[in-house]
Each structure stands twice: as C-alpha cells, then as structure tokens.
C-alpha cells in the first residue's frame, strides 16, 4: 500500500490514522475502540511508556500502545 495522502481544501495534508506516529486521545479512542475517558486515564497512568504530554494534550504513540495492548490481558 503506497502512502496516499489527501489534501484538504485548506491545503493541509491529511494523513490516515494508521500511518500517524502519534494519535490524540480522541483518535486513539476511535482507532482502538476504547472509550475517551478510559484512553485518557491510560495515557495519564502510562506517561513516558506510550503516552507523551505535548502542550496541553496527551498524545499516544500508536506503535507503543499497540505493543502494550498485545502484552496486556485486560485494559
């Protein structure tokens, strides 16, 4: 699959979620099918493991969270 990016009317490039390195809480919640509140709690509790705090928001490192999910028996 080639890296096909869409361009919005504003001129910004739109990258699909499965190609992004970091996801917002909302994006991660939708991608992993986990509630927003639970995702935020996981990010707060795992800062430095798969979550980073940038400005005023948590970002989830997608590949590290995928590994976390694989190694966990429950989320």
Protein backbone atom coordinates (compact mmCIF):
# COMPACT_ATOMS: atom_id res chain seq x y z
CA UNK A 1 0.00 0.00 0.00
CA UNK A 2 1.50 3.31 -1.06
CA UNK A 3 1.47 6.37 1.15
CA UNK A 4 -1.52 8.11 -0.30
CA UNK A 5 -2.33 11.33 1.48
CA UNK A 6 -5.32 13.52 0.82
CA UNK A 7 -5.13 17.29 0.66
CA UNK A 8 -7.91 19.26 2.34
CA UNK A 9 -9.33 22.47 0.91
CA UNK A 10 -7.24 24.40 3.44
CA UNK A 11 -4.09 22.99 1.81
CA UNK A 12 -3.23 20.76 4.77
CA UNK A 13 -2.18 17.19 4.08
CA UNK A 14 -4.48 14.63 5.69
CA UNK A 15 -2.68 11.53 6.94
CA UNK A 16 -4.73 8.44 7.72
CA UNK A 17 -4.75 7.34 11.37
CA UNK A 18 -2.97 4.05 10.67
CA UNK A 19 0.01 5.99 9.23
CA UNK A 20 0.35 8.51 12.08
CA UNK A 21 3.10 8.11 14.67
CA UNK A 22 1.15 9.84 17.45
CA UNK A 23 -2.60 9.99 17.97
CA UNK A 24 -4.74 12.35 20.00
CA UNK A 25 -6.87 10.84 22.76
CA UNK A 26 -9.93 11.04 20.51
CA UNK A 27 -8.17 9.45 17.52
CA UNK A 28 -6.70 6.67 19.70
CA UNK A 29 -10.10 6.08 21.28
CA UNK A 30 -11.72 5.60 17.87
CA UNK A 31 -8.83 3.58 16.41
CA UNK A 32 -8.54 1.15 19.32
CA UNK A 33 -12.26 1.13 20.18
CA UNK A 34 -11.67 2.27 23.77
CA UNK A 35 -13.71 5.00 25.47
CA UNK A 36 -12.26 8.51 25.61
CA UNK A 37 -12.26 8.61 29.43
CA UNK A 38 -10.50 5.24 29.65
CA UNK A 39 -7.98 6.27 26.99
CA UNK A 40 -7.18 9.50 28.87
CA UNK A 41 -6.75 7.55 32.12
CA UNK A 42 -4.40 5.09 30.40
CA UNK A 43 -2.38 7.99 28.98
CA UNK A 44 -2.12 9.69 32.39
CA UNK A 45 -1.04 6.44 34.08
CA UNK A 46 1.48 5.49 31.38
CA UNK A 47 3.17 8.82 30.65
CA UNK A 48 6.57 8.03 29.17
CA UNK A 49 5.63 4.44 28.32
CA UNK A 50 3.33 5.02 25.35
CA UNK A 51 1.98 8.49 26.07
CA UNK A 52 3.61 11.92 25.91
CA UNK A 53 2.32 15.27 27.08
CA UNK A 54 2.66 17.95 24.42
CA UNK A 55 1.49 21.46 25.19
CA UNK A 56 -1.87 20.92 26.83
CA UNK A 57 -2.72 17.49 25.45
CA UNK A 58 -1.75 13.85 25.72
CA UNK A 59 -0.55 12.08 22.60
CA UNK A 60 -0.47 8.31 22.23
CA UNK A 61 2.47 6.72 20.40
CA UNK A 62 0.50 4.32 18.25
CA UNK A 63 3.11 1.57 17.82
CA UNK A 64 3.99 1.52 21.52
CA UNK A 65 0.32 1.39 22.50
CA UNK A 66 -0.26 -1.49 20.06
CA UNK A 67 2.56 -3.39 21.81
CA UNK A 68 1.06 -2.50 25.23
CA UNK A 69 -2.30 -3.91 24.10
CA UNK A 70 -0.69 -7.12 22.80
CA UNK A 71 1.08 -7.69 26.14
CA UNK A 72 -1.97 -6.88 28.30
CA UNK A 73 -4.63 -9.37 29.28
CA UNK A 74 -7.06 -6.57 30.13
CA UNK A 75 -7.22 -2.83 29.51
